[in-house]
Full PDB file with SEQRES, HELIX, SHEET, SSBOND, CRYST1, ORIGX, SCALE, CONECT and MASTER records, all heavy atoms in Angstrom:
SEQRES   1 A   38  ASP LYS MET MET GLN LYS GLU VAL LYS THR VAL SER LEU          
SEQRES   2 A   38  GLU GLN THR LYS GLY ALA PHE THR GLN THR ALA LEU THR          
SEQRES   3 A   38  LEU ALA GLU GLY THR TYR ILE PHE GLU VAL SER ASN              
HELIX    1 AA1 LYS A    2  GLU A    7  1                                   6    
SHEET    1 AA1 3 ALA A  19  PHE A  20  0                                        
SHEET    2 AA1 3 VAL A   8  THR A  16 -1                                        
SHEET    3 AA1 3 THR A  31  SER A  37  1                                        
CRYST1    1.000    1.000    1.000  90.00  90.00  90.00 P 1           1          
ORIGX1      1.000000  0.000000  0.000000        0.00000                         
ORIGX2      0.000000  1.000000  0.000000        0.00000                         
ORIGX3      0.000000  0.000000  1.000000        0.00000                         
SCALE1      1.000000  0.000000  0.000000        0.00000                         
SCALE2      0.000000  1.000000  0.000000        0.00000                         
SCALE3      0.000000  0.000000  1.000000        0.00000                         
ATOM      1  N   ASP A   1      98.485 106.879 134.761  1.00  0.00           N  
ATOM      2  CA  ASP A   1      98.792 106.725 133.250  1.00  0.00           C  
ATOM      3  C   ASP A   1      99.809 105.840 132.989  1.00  0.00           C  
ATOM      4  O   ASP A   1      99.814 104.988 132.135  1.00  0.00           O  
ATOM      5  CB  ASP A   1      99.123 108.160 132.675  1.00  0.00           C  
ATOM      6  CG  ASP A   1      97.978 109.030 132.436  1.00  0.00           C  
ATOM      7  OD1 ASP A   1      96.741 108.539 132.584  1.00  0.00           O  
ATOM      8  OD2 ASP A   1      98.117 110.283 132.208  1.00  0.00           O  
ATOM      9  N   LYS A   2     100.990 105.955 133.775  1.00  0.00           N  
ATOM     10  CA  LYS A   2     102.104 104.956 133.612  1.00  0.00           C  
ATOM     11  C   LYS A   2     101.684 103.548 133.846  1.00  0.00           C  
ATOM     12  O   LYS A   2     102.064 102.518 133.164  1.00  0.00           O  
ATOM     13  CB  LYS A   2     103.245 105.466 134.545  1.00  0.00           C  
ATOM     14  CG  LYS A   2     103.961 106.621 134.032  1.00  0.00           C  
ATOM     15  CD  LYS A   2     105.175 106.984 134.895  1.00  0.00           C  
ATOM     16  CE  LYS A   2     105.849 108.193 134.373  1.00  0.00           C  
ATOM     17  NZ  LYS A   2     106.930 108.607 135.239  1.00  0.00           N  
ATOM     18  N   MET A   3     100.883 103.366 134.866  1.00  0.00           N  
ATOM     19  CA  MET A   3     100.380 102.005 135.230  1.00  0.00           C  
ATOM     20  C   MET A   3      99.554 101.365 134.147  1.00  0.00           C  
ATOM     21  O   MET A   3      99.702 100.254 133.726  1.00  0.00           O  
ATOM     22  CB  MET A   3      99.477 102.027 136.559  1.00  0.00           C  
ATOM     23  CG  MET A   3      99.985 101.161 137.631  1.00  0.00           C  
ATOM     24  SD  MET A   3      99.261 101.297 139.165  1.00  0.00           S  
ATOM     25  CE  MET A   3      97.471 101.456 138.845  1.00  0.00           C  
ATOM     26  N   MET A   4      98.713 102.211 133.587  1.00  0.00           N  
ATOM     27  CA  MET A   4      97.883 101.724 132.354  1.00  0.00           C  
ATOM     28  C   MET A   4      98.753 101.467 131.235  1.00  0.00           C  
ATOM     29  O   MET A   4      98.442 100.441 130.529  1.00  0.00           O  
ATOM     30  CB  MET A   4      96.866 102.782 132.092  1.00  0.00           C  
ATOM     31  CG  MET A   4      95.756 102.896 133.083  1.00  0.00           C  
ATOM     32  SD  MET A   4      94.373 103.928 132.502  1.00  0.00           S  
ATOM     33  CE  MET A   4      93.754 103.050 131.139  1.00  0.00           C  
ATOM     34  N   GLN A   5      99.761 102.235 130.975  1.00  0.00           N  
ATOM     35  CA  GLN A   5     100.587 101.921 129.896  1.00  0.00           C  
ATOM     36  C   GLN A   5     101.319 100.584 129.992  1.00  0.00           C  
ATOM     37  O   GLN A   5     101.580  99.792 129.128  1.00  0.00           O  
ATOM     38  CB  GLN A   5     101.698 102.980 129.631  1.00  0.00           C  
ATOM     39  CG  GLN A   5     101.135 104.238 129.057  1.00  0.00           C  
ATOM     40  CD  GLN A   5     102.050 105.422 129.033  1.00  0.00           C  
ATOM     41  OE1 GLN A   5     103.211 105.301 129.544  1.00  0.00           O  
ATOM     42  NE2 GLN A   5     101.679 106.516 128.376  1.00  0.00           N  
ATOM     43  N   LYS A   6     101.777 100.219 131.225  1.00  0.00           N  
ATOM     44  CA  LYS A   6     102.369  98.888 131.521  1.00  0.00           C  
ATOM     45  C   LYS A   6     101.404  97.838 131.352  1.00  0.00           C  
ATOM     46  O   LYS A   6     101.874  96.646 131.022  1.00  0.00           O  
ATOM     47  CB  LYS A   6     102.920  98.956 132.982  1.00  0.00           C  
ATOM     48  CG  LYS A   6     104.201  99.755 133.179  1.00  0.00           C  
ATOM     49  CD  LYS A   6     104.687  99.689 134.539  1.00  0.00           C  
ATOM     50  CE  LYS A   6     105.865 100.547 134.754  1.00  0.00           C  
ATOM     51  NZ  LYS A   6     106.386 100.541 136.130  1.00  0.00           N  
ATOM     52  N   GLU A   7     100.127  98.094 131.595  1.00  0.00           N  
ATOM     53  CA  GLU A   7      99.120  96.941 131.456  1.00  0.00           C  
ATOM     54  C   GLU A   7      98.875  96.570 130.039  1.00  0.00           C  
ATOM     55  O   GLU A   7      98.250  95.559 129.732  1.00  0.00           O  
ATOM     56  CB  GLU A   7      97.820  97.388 132.188  1.00  0.00           C  
ATOM     57  CG  GLU A   7      97.972  97.389 133.701  1.00  0.00           C  
ATOM     58  CD  GLU A   7      96.782  97.839 134.489  1.00  0.00           C  
ATOM     59  OE1 GLU A   7      95.649  97.967 133.854  1.00  0.00           O  
ATOM     60  OE2 GLU A   7      96.833  98.110 135.553  1.00  0.00           O  
ATOM     61  N   VAL A   8      99.108  97.497 129.123  1.00  0.00           N  
ATOM     62  CA  VAL A   8      98.851  97.286 127.695  1.00  0.00           C  
ATOM     63  C   VAL A   8     100.032  96.592 127.032  1.00  0.00           C  
ATOM     64  O   VAL A   8     101.073  97.204 127.051  1.00  0.00           O  
ATOM     65  CB  VAL A   8      98.526  98.527 126.897  1.00  0.00           C  
ATOM     66  CG1 VAL A   8      98.379  98.300 125.463  1.00  0.00           C  
ATOM     67  CG2 VAL A   8      97.325  99.272 127.459  1.00  0.00           C  
ATOM     68  N   LYS A   9      99.899  95.375 126.509  1.00  0.00           N  
ATOM     69  CA  LYS A   9     101.018  94.649 125.879  1.00  0.00           C  
ATOM     70  C   LYS A   9     100.856  94.737 124.428  1.00  0.00           C  
ATOM     71  O   LYS A   9      99.787  94.882 123.900  1.00  0.00           O  
ATOM     72  CB  LYS A   9     100.955  93.172 126.376  1.00  0.00           C  
ATOM     73  CG  LYS A   9     101.157  93.078 127.957  1.00  0.00           C  
ATOM     74  CD  LYS A   9     100.883  91.723 128.446  1.00  0.00           C  
ATOM     75  CE  LYS A   9     100.861  91.531 129.817  1.00  0.00           C  
ATOM     76  NZ  LYS A   9      99.587  91.667 130.447  1.00  0.00           N  
ATOM     77  N   THR A  10     102.075  94.637 123.791  1.00  0.00           N  
ATOM     78  CA  THR A  10     102.026  94.637 122.356  1.00  0.00           C  
ATOM     79  C   THR A  10     102.285  93.186 121.796  1.00  0.00           C  
ATOM     80  O   THR A  10     103.142  92.458 122.323  1.00  0.00           O  
ATOM     81  CB  THR A  10     103.172  95.496 121.901  1.00  0.00           C  
ATOM     82  OG1 THR A  10     102.986  96.845 122.294  1.00  0.00           O  
ATOM     83  CG2 THR A  10     103.335  95.592 120.259  1.00  0.00           C  
ATOM     84  N   VAL A  11     101.524  92.875 120.727  1.00  0.00           N  
ATOM     85  CA  VAL A  11     101.632  91.510 120.105  1.00  0.00           C  
ATOM     86  C   VAL A  11     102.126  91.935 118.653  1.00  0.00           C  
ATOM     87  O   VAL A  11     101.413  92.647 117.978  1.00  0.00           O  
ATOM     88  CB  VAL A  11     100.332  90.760 120.079  1.00  0.00           C  
ATOM     89  CG1 VAL A  11     100.553  89.512 119.165  1.00  0.00           C  
ATOM     90  CG2 VAL A  11      99.888  90.490 121.492  1.00  0.00           C  
ATOM     91  N   SER A  12     103.226  91.320 118.108  1.00  0.00           N  
ATOM     92  CA  SER A  12     103.713  91.556 116.830  1.00  0.00           C  
ATOM     93  C   SER A  12     103.305  90.470 115.845  1.00  0.00           C  
ATOM     94  O   SER A  12     103.379  89.292 116.301  1.00  0.00           O  
ATOM     95  CB  SER A  12     105.243  91.651 116.839  1.00  0.00           C  
ATOM     96  OG  SER A  12     105.697  92.716 117.634  1.00  0.00           O  
ATOM     97  N   LEU A  13     102.671  90.931 114.853  1.00  0.00           N  
ATOM     98  CA  LEU A  13     102.219  89.864 113.841  1.00  0.00           C  
ATOM     99  C   LEU A  13     102.903  90.271 112.471  1.00  0.00           C  
ATOM    100  O   LEU A  13     102.993  91.491 112.061  1.00  0.00           O  
ATOM    101  CB  LEU A  13     100.770  89.981 113.591  1.00  0.00           C  
ATOM    102  CG  LEU A  13      99.850  89.597 114.850  1.00  0.00           C  
ATOM    103  CD1 LEU A  13      98.378  89.890 114.594  1.00  0.00           C  
ATOM    104  CD2 LEU A  13     100.080  88.084 115.095  1.00  0.00           C  
ATOM    105  N   GLU A  14     103.397  89.270 111.769  1.00  0.00           N  
ATOM    106  CA  GLU A  14     104.046  89.511 110.367  1.00  0.00           C  
ATOM    107  C   GLU A  14     103.242  88.785 109.407  1.00  0.00           C  
ATOM    108  O   GLU A  14     102.866  87.642 109.476  1.00  0.00           O  
ATOM    109  CB  GLU A  14     105.350  89.027 110.461  1.00  0.00           C  
ATOM    110  CG  GLU A  14     106.132  89.206 109.112  1.00  0.00           C  
ATOM    111  CD  GLU A  14     107.480  88.384 109.050  1.00  0.00           C  
ATOM    112  OE1 GLU A  14     107.620  87.277 109.708  1.00  0.00           O  
ATOM    113  OE2 GLU A  14     108.350  88.901 108.339  1.00  0.00           O  
ATOM    114  N   GLN A  15     102.967  89.493 108.310  1.00  0.00           N  
ATOM    115  CA  GLN A  15     102.269  88.879 107.195  1.00  0.00           C  
ATOM    116  C   GLN A  15     103.269  88.716 105.999  1.00  0.00           C  
ATOM    117  O   GLN A  15     104.132  89.565 105.692  1.00  0.00           O  
ATOM    118  CB  GLN A  15     101.231  89.767 106.629  1.00  0.00           C  
ATOM    119  CG  GLN A  15      99.942  89.658 107.571  1.00  0.00           C  
ATOM    120  CD  GLN A  15      98.789  90.343 107.061  1.00  0.00           C  
ATOM    121  OE1 GLN A  15      98.504  90.000 105.876  1.00  0.00           O  
ATOM    122  NE2 GLN A  15      98.150  91.229 107.721  1.00  0.00           N  
ATOM    123  N   THR A  16     103.266  87.496 105.385  1.00  0.00           N  
ATOM    124  CA  THR A  16     103.987  87.311 104.076  1.00  0.00           C  
ATOM    125  C   THR A  16     102.903  86.854 103.072  1.00  0.00           C  
ATOM    126  O   THR A  16     101.672  86.950 103.459  1.00  0.00           O  
ATOM    127  CB  THR A  16     104.952  86.050 104.315  1.00  0.00           C  
ATOM    128  OG1 THR A  16     104.131  84.933 104.725  1.00  0.00           O  
ATOM    129  CG2 THR A  16     106.080  86.332 105.272  1.00  0.00           C  
ATOM    130  N   LYS A  17     103.248  86.701 101.835  1.00  0.00           N  
ATOM    131  CA  LYS A  17     102.128  86.431 100.791  1.00  0.00           C  
ATOM    132  C   LYS A  17     101.218  85.297 101.227  1.00  0.00           C  
ATOM    133  O   LYS A  17     101.677  84.161 101.320  1.00  0.00           O  
ATOM    134  CB  LYS A  17     102.879  86.086  99.557  1.00  0.00           C  
ATOM    135  CG  LYS A  17     101.946  86.092  98.400  1.00  0.00           C  
ATOM    136  CD  LYS A  17     102.705  86.123  97.058  1.00  0.00           C  
ATOM    137  CE  LYS A  17     101.712  86.189  95.819  1.00  0.00           C  
ATOM    138  NZ  LYS A  17     100.881  87.367  95.843  1.00  0.00           N  
ATOM    139  N   GLY A  18      99.962  85.664 101.447  1.00  0.00           N  
ATOM    140  CA  GLY A  18      98.983  84.639 101.822  1.00  0.00           C  
ATOM    141  C   GLY A  18      98.859  84.165 103.192  1.00  0.00           C  
ATOM    142  O   GLY A  18      98.082  83.211 103.476  1.00  0.00           O  
ATOM    143  N   ALA A  19      99.726  84.723 104.024  1.00  0.00           N  
ATOM    144  CA  ALA A  19      99.818  84.050 105.460  1.00  0.00           C  
ATOM    145  C   ALA A  19     100.348  85.006 106.451  1.00  0.00           C  
ATOM    146  O   ALA A  19     101.047  85.966 106.199  1.00  0.00           O  
ATOM    147  CB  ALA A  19     100.679  82.746 105.312  1.00  0.00           C  
ATOM    148  N   PHE A  20     100.015  84.736 107.722  1.00  0.00           N  
ATOM    149  CA  PHE A  20     100.652  85.289 108.888  1.00  0.00           C  
ATOM    150  C   PHE A  20     101.714  84.375 109.268  1.00  0.00           C  
ATOM    151  O   PHE A  20     101.523  83.070 109.193  1.00  0.00           O  
ATOM    152  CB  PHE A  20      99.661  85.438 110.059  1.00  0.00           C  
ATOM    153  CG  PHE A  20      98.749  86.563 110.048  1.00  0.00           C  
ATOM    154  CD1 PHE A  20      97.526  86.604 109.324  1.00  0.00           C  
ATOM    155  CD2 PHE A  20      99.239  87.832 110.567  1.00  0.00           C  
ATOM    156  CE1 PHE A  20      96.774  87.736 109.349  1.00  0.00           C  
ATOM    157  CE2 PHE A  20      98.428  88.975 110.545  1.00  0.00           C  
ATOM    158  CZ  PHE A  20      97.286  88.876 109.978  1.00  0.00           C  
ATOM    159  N   THR A  21     102.924  84.806 109.785  1.00  0.00           N  
ATOM    160  CA  THR A  21     103.913  83.838 110.273  1.00  0.00           C  
ATOM    161  C   THR A  21     103.577  83.246 111.563  1.00  0.00           C  
ATOM    162  O   THR A  21     104.082  82.161 111.945  1.00  0.00           O  
ATOM    163  CB  THR A  21     105.302  84.541 110.194  1.00  0.00           C  
ATOM    164  OG1 THR A  21     105.213  85.728 111.074  1.00  0.00           O  
ATOM    165  CG2 THR A  21     105.773  84.900 108.806  1.00  0.00           C  
ATOM    166  N   GLN A  22     102.745  84.025 112.335  1.00  0.00           N  
ATOM    167  CA  GLN A  22     102.222  83.452 113.601  1.00  0.00           C  
ATOM    168  C   GLN A  22     100.933  82.735 113.366  1.00  0.00           C  
ATOM    169  O   GLN A  22      99.902  83.371 113.124  1.00  0.00           O  
ATOM    170  CB  GLN A  22     101.958  84.612 114.644  1.00  0.00           C  
ATOM    171  CG  GLN A  22     103.204  85.398 115.035  1.00  0.00           C  
ATOM    172  CD  GLN A  22     103.680  86.313 113.890  1.00  0.00           C  
ATOM    173  OE1 GLN A  22     102.996  86.671 112.944  1.00  0.00           O  
ATOM    174  NE2 GLN A  22     104.851  86.896 114.024  1.00  0.00           N  
ATOM    175  N   THR A  23     100.824  81.392 113.371  1.00  0.00           N  
ATOM    176  CA  THR A  23      99.654  80.655 112.984  1.00  0.00           C  
ATOM    177  C   THR A  23      98.738  80.443 114.053  1.00  0.00           C  
ATOM    178  O   THR A  23      97.612  79.897 113.916  1.00  0.00           O  
ATOM    179  CB  THR A  23     100.005  79.357 112.316  1.00  0.00           C  
ATOM    180  OG1 THR A  23     100.825  78.611 113.173  1.00  0.00           O  
ATOM    181  CG2 THR A  23     100.892  79.590 110.953  1.00  0.00           C  
ATOM    182  N   ALA A  24      99.091  80.719 115.295  1.00  0.00           N  
ATOM    183  CA  ALA A  24      98.215  80.575 116.429  1.00  0.00           C  
ATOM    184  C   ALA A  24      98.826  81.403 117.596  1.00  0.00           C  
ATOM    185  O   ALA A  24      99.983  81.546 117.674  1.00  0.00           O  
ATOM    186  CB  ALA A  24      98.081  79.072 116.877  1.00  0.00           C  
ATOM    187  N   LEU A  25      97.949  81.957 118.488  1.00  0.00           N  
ATOM    188  CA  LEU A  25      98.414  82.780 119.603  1.00  0.00           C  
ATOM    189  C   LEU A  25      97.661  82.441 120.880  1.00  0.00           C  
ATOM    190  O   LEU A  25      96.404  82.028 120.714  1.00  0.00           O  
ATOM    191  CB  LEU A  25      98.139  84.264 119.354  1.00  0.00           C  
ATOM    192  CG  LEU A  25      98.936  85.013 118.220  1.00  0.00           C  
ATOM    193  CD1 LEU A  25      98.272  86.400 118.060  1.00  0.00           C  
ATOM    194  CD2 LEU A  25     100.340  85.065 118.580  1.00  0.00           C  
ATOM    195  N   THR A  26      98.289  82.374 121.956  1.00  0.00           N  
ATOM    196  CA  THR A  26      97.621  82.152 123.240  1.00  0.00           C  
ATOM    197  C   THR A  26      98.112  83.279 124.084  1.00  0.00           C  
ATOM    198  O   THR A  26      99.306  83.566 124.246  1.00  0.00           O  
ATOM    199  CB  THR A  26      98.070  80.766 123.826  1.00  0.00           C  
ATOM    200  OG1 THR A  26      97.713  79.639 122.913  1.00  0.00           O  
ATOM    201  CG2 THR A  26      97.400  80.647 125.181  1.00  0.00           C  
ATOM    202  N   LEU A  27      97.196  84.031 124.568  1.00  0.00           N  
ATOM    203  CA  LEU A  27      97.424  85.263 125.406  1.00  0.00           C  
ATOM    204  C   LEU A  27      96.667  85.133 126.705  1.00  0.00           C  
ATOM    205  O   LEU A  27      95.608  84.486 126.866  1.00  0.00           O  
ATOM    206  CB  LEU A  27      96.983  86.502 124.729  1.00  0.00           C  
ATOM    207  CG  LEU A  27      97.587  86.767 123.336  1.00  0.00           C  
ATOM    208  CD1 LEU A  27      96.928  87.901 122.538  1.00  0.00           C  
ATOM    209  CD2 LEU A  27      99.036  86.989 123.355  1.00  0.00           C  
ATOM    210  N   ALA A  28      97.188  85.937 127.742  1.00  0.00           N  
ATOM    211  CA  ALA A  28      96.465  86.030 128.958  1.00  0.00           C  
ATOM    212  C   ALA A  28      95.341  87.120 128.750  1.00  0.00           C  
ATOM    213  O   ALA A  28      95.480  87.991 127.923  1.00  0.00           O  
ATOM    214  CB  ALA A  28      97.378  86.490 130.040  1.00  0.00           C  
ATOM    215  N   GLU A  29      94.349  87.089 129.543  1.00  0.00           N  
ATOM    216  CA  GLU A  29      93.249  88.052 129.514  1.00  0.00           C  
ATOM    217  C   GLU A  29      93.878  89.396 129.788  1.00  0.00           C  
ATOM    218  O   GLU A  29      94.816  89.524 130.595  1.00  0.00           O  
ATOM    219  CB  GLU A  29      92.211  87.695 130.571  1.00  0.00           C  
ATOM    220  CG  GLU A  29      90.912  88.495 130.390  1.00  0.00           C  
ATOM    221  CD  GLU A  29      89.871  88.045 131.408  1.00  0.00           C  
ATOM    222  OE1 GLU A  29      90.144  87.341 132.385  1.00  0.00           O  
ATOM    223  OE2 GLU A  29      88.688  88.257 131.108  1.00  0.00           O  
ATOM    224  N   GLY A  30      93.507  90.387 128.990  1.00  0.00           N  
ATOM    225  CA  GLY A  30      94.101  91.723 129.152  1.00  0.00           C  
ATOM    226  C   GLY A  30      93.880  92.582 127.943  1.00  0.00           C  
ATOM    227  O   GLY A  30      93.162  92.348 127.041  1.00  0.00           O  
ATOM    228  N   THR A  31      94.659  93.614 127.893  1.00  0.00           N  
ATOM    229  CA  THR A  31      94.596  94.678 126.789  1.00  0.00           C  
ATOM    230  C   THR A  31      95.843  94.624 125.976  1.00  0.00           C  
ATOM    231  O   THR A  31      97.015  94.611 126.505  1.00  0.00           O  
ATOM    232  CB  THR A  31      94.374  96.133 127.459  1.00  0.00           C  
ATOM    233  OG1 THR A  31      93.278  96.053 128.338  1.00  0.00           O  
ATOM    234  CG2 THR A  31      94.229  97.157 126.368  1.00  0.00           C  
ATOM    235  N   TYR A  32      95.652  94.599 124.666  1.00  0.00           N  
ATOM    236  CA  TYR A  32      96.747  94.474 123.763  1.00  0.00           C  
ATOM    237  C   TYR A  32      96.739  95.372 122.564  1.00  0.00           C  
ATOM    238  O   TYR A  32      95.510  95.803 122.131  1.00  0.00           O  
ATOM    239  CB  TYR A  32      96.705  93.025 123.124  1.00  0.00           C  
ATOM    240  CG  TYR A  32      96.899  91.946 124.175  1.00  0.00           C  
ATOM    241  CD1 TYR A  32      95.922  91.446 124.846  1.00  0.00           C  
ATOM    242  CD2 TYR A  32      98.251  91.506 124.365  1.00  0.00           C  
ATOM    243  CE1 TYR A  32      96.149  90.476 125.933  1.00  0.00           C  
ATOM    244  CE2 TYR A  32      98.429  90.499 125.336  1.00  0.00           C  
ATOM    245  CZ  TYR A  32      97.433  90.002 126.159  1.00  0.00           C  
ATOM    246  OH  TYR A  32      97.660  89.073 127.071  1.00  0.00           O  
ATOM    247  N   ILE A  33      97.773  95.847 122.064  1.00  0.00           N  
ATOM    248  CA  ILE A  33      97.970  96.515 120.783  1.00  0.00           C  
ATOM    249  C   ILE A  33      98.636  95.503 119.907  1.00  0.00           C  
ATOM    250  O   ILE A  33      99.603  94.885 120.180  1.00  0.00           O  
ATOM    251  CB  ILE A  33      98.824  97.739 121.011  1.00  0.00           C  
ATOM    252  CG1 ILE A  33      98.039  98.861 121.809  1.00  0.00           C  
ATOM    253  CG2 ILE A  33      99.258  98.320 119.656  1.00  0.00           C  
ATOM    254  CD1 ILE A  33      98.932  99.949 122.076  1.00  0.00           C  
ATOM    255  N   PHE A  34      98.065  95.324 118.754  1.00  0.00           N  
ATOM    256  CA  PHE A  34      98.598  94.557 117.649  1.00  0.00           C  
ATOM    257  C   PHE A  34      99.484  95.372 116.702  1.00  0.00           C  
ATOM    258  O   PHE A  34      98.988  96.312 116.231  1.00  0.00           O  
ATOM    259  CB  PHE A  34      97.538  93.706 116.991  1.00  0.00           C  
ATOM    260  CG  PHE A  34      96.812  92.781 117.837  1.00  0.00           C  
ATOM    261  CD1 PHE A  34      95.559  93.175 118.558  1.00  0.00           C  
ATOM    262  CD2 PHE A  34      97.287  91.513 118.098  1.00  0.00           C  
ATOM    263  CE1 PHE A  34      94.940  92.372 119.303  1.00  0.00           C  
ATOM    264  CE2 PHE A  34      96.568  90.665 118.933  1.00  0.00           C  
ATOM    265  CZ  PHE A  34      95.378  91.087 119.548  1.00  0.00           C  
ATOM    266  N   GLU A  35     100.652  94.904 116.563  1.00  0.00           N  
ATOM    267  CA  GLU A  35     101.607  95.505 115.670  1.00  0.00           C  
ATOM    268  C   GLU A  35     101.762  94.590 114.342  1.00  0.00           C  
ATOM    269  O   GLU A  35     102.224  93.549 114.509  1.00  0.00           O  
ATOM    270  CB  GLU A  35     102.924  95.770 116.326  1.00  0.00           C  
ATOM    271  CG  GLU A  35     103.910  96.533 115.497  1.00  0.00           C  
ATOM    272  CD  GLU A  35     105.223  96.789 116.505  1.00  0.00           C  
ATOM    273  OE1 GLU A  35     105.966  95.707 116.654  1.00  0.00           O  
ATOM    274  OE2 GLU A  35     105.386  97.813 116.927  1.00  0.00           O  
ATOM    275  N   VAL A  36     101.244  95.107 113.231  1.00  0.00           N  
ATOM    276  CA  VAL A  36     101.268  94.327 112.064  1.00  0.00           C  
ATOM    277  C   VAL A  36     102.248  94.773 111.062  1.00  0.00           C  
ATOM    278  O   VAL A  36     102.340  95.927 110.672  1.00  0.00           O  
ATOM    279  CB  VAL A  36      99.858  94.268 111.414  1.00  0.00           C  
ATOM    280  CG1 VAL A  36      99.845  93.494 110.049  1.00  0.00           C  
ATOM    281  CG2 VAL A  36      98.763  93.903 112.415  1.00  0.00           C  
ATOM    282  N   SER A  37     103.154  93.852 110.550  1.00  0.00           N  
ATOM    283  CA  SER A  37     104.161  94.104 109.712  1.00  0.00           C  
ATOM    284  C   SER A  37     103.886  93.487 108.229  1.00  0.00           C  
ATOM    285  O   SER A  37     103.434  92.333 108.224  1.00  0.00           O  
ATOM    286  CB  SER A  37     105.476  93.558 110.072  1.00  0.00           C  
ATOM    287  OG  SER A  37     105.914  94.111 111.261  1.00  0.00           O  
ATOM    288  N   ASN A  38     104.078  94.177 107.243  1.00  0.00           N  
ATOM    289  CA  ASN A  38     103.890  93.731 105.856  1.00  0.00           C  
ATOM    290  C   ASN A  38     105.206  93.428 105.253  1.00  0.00           C  
ATOM    291  O   ASN A  38     105.937  94.236 104.748  1.00  0.00           O  
ATOM    292  CB  ASN A  38     103.153  94.763 105.026  1.00  0.00           C  
ATOM    293  CG  ASN A  38     102.849  94.353 103.671  1.00  0.00           C  
ATOM    294  OD1 ASN A  38     103.456  93.425 103.078  1.00  0.00           O  
ATOM    295  ND2 ASN A  38     102.019  95.165 102.962  1.00  0.00           N  
TER     296      ASN A  38                                                      
MASTER        0    0    0    1    3    0    0    6  295    1    0    3          
END                                                                             
């Protein structure tokens, strides 16, 4: 369980009016949780 938790990475995304502040992303193949801020 601990190993699997380490393998999941978090990507933070922020939204402002009409846009994401991150306009492009490059990630390695894998498992991700996206954290979206308003």
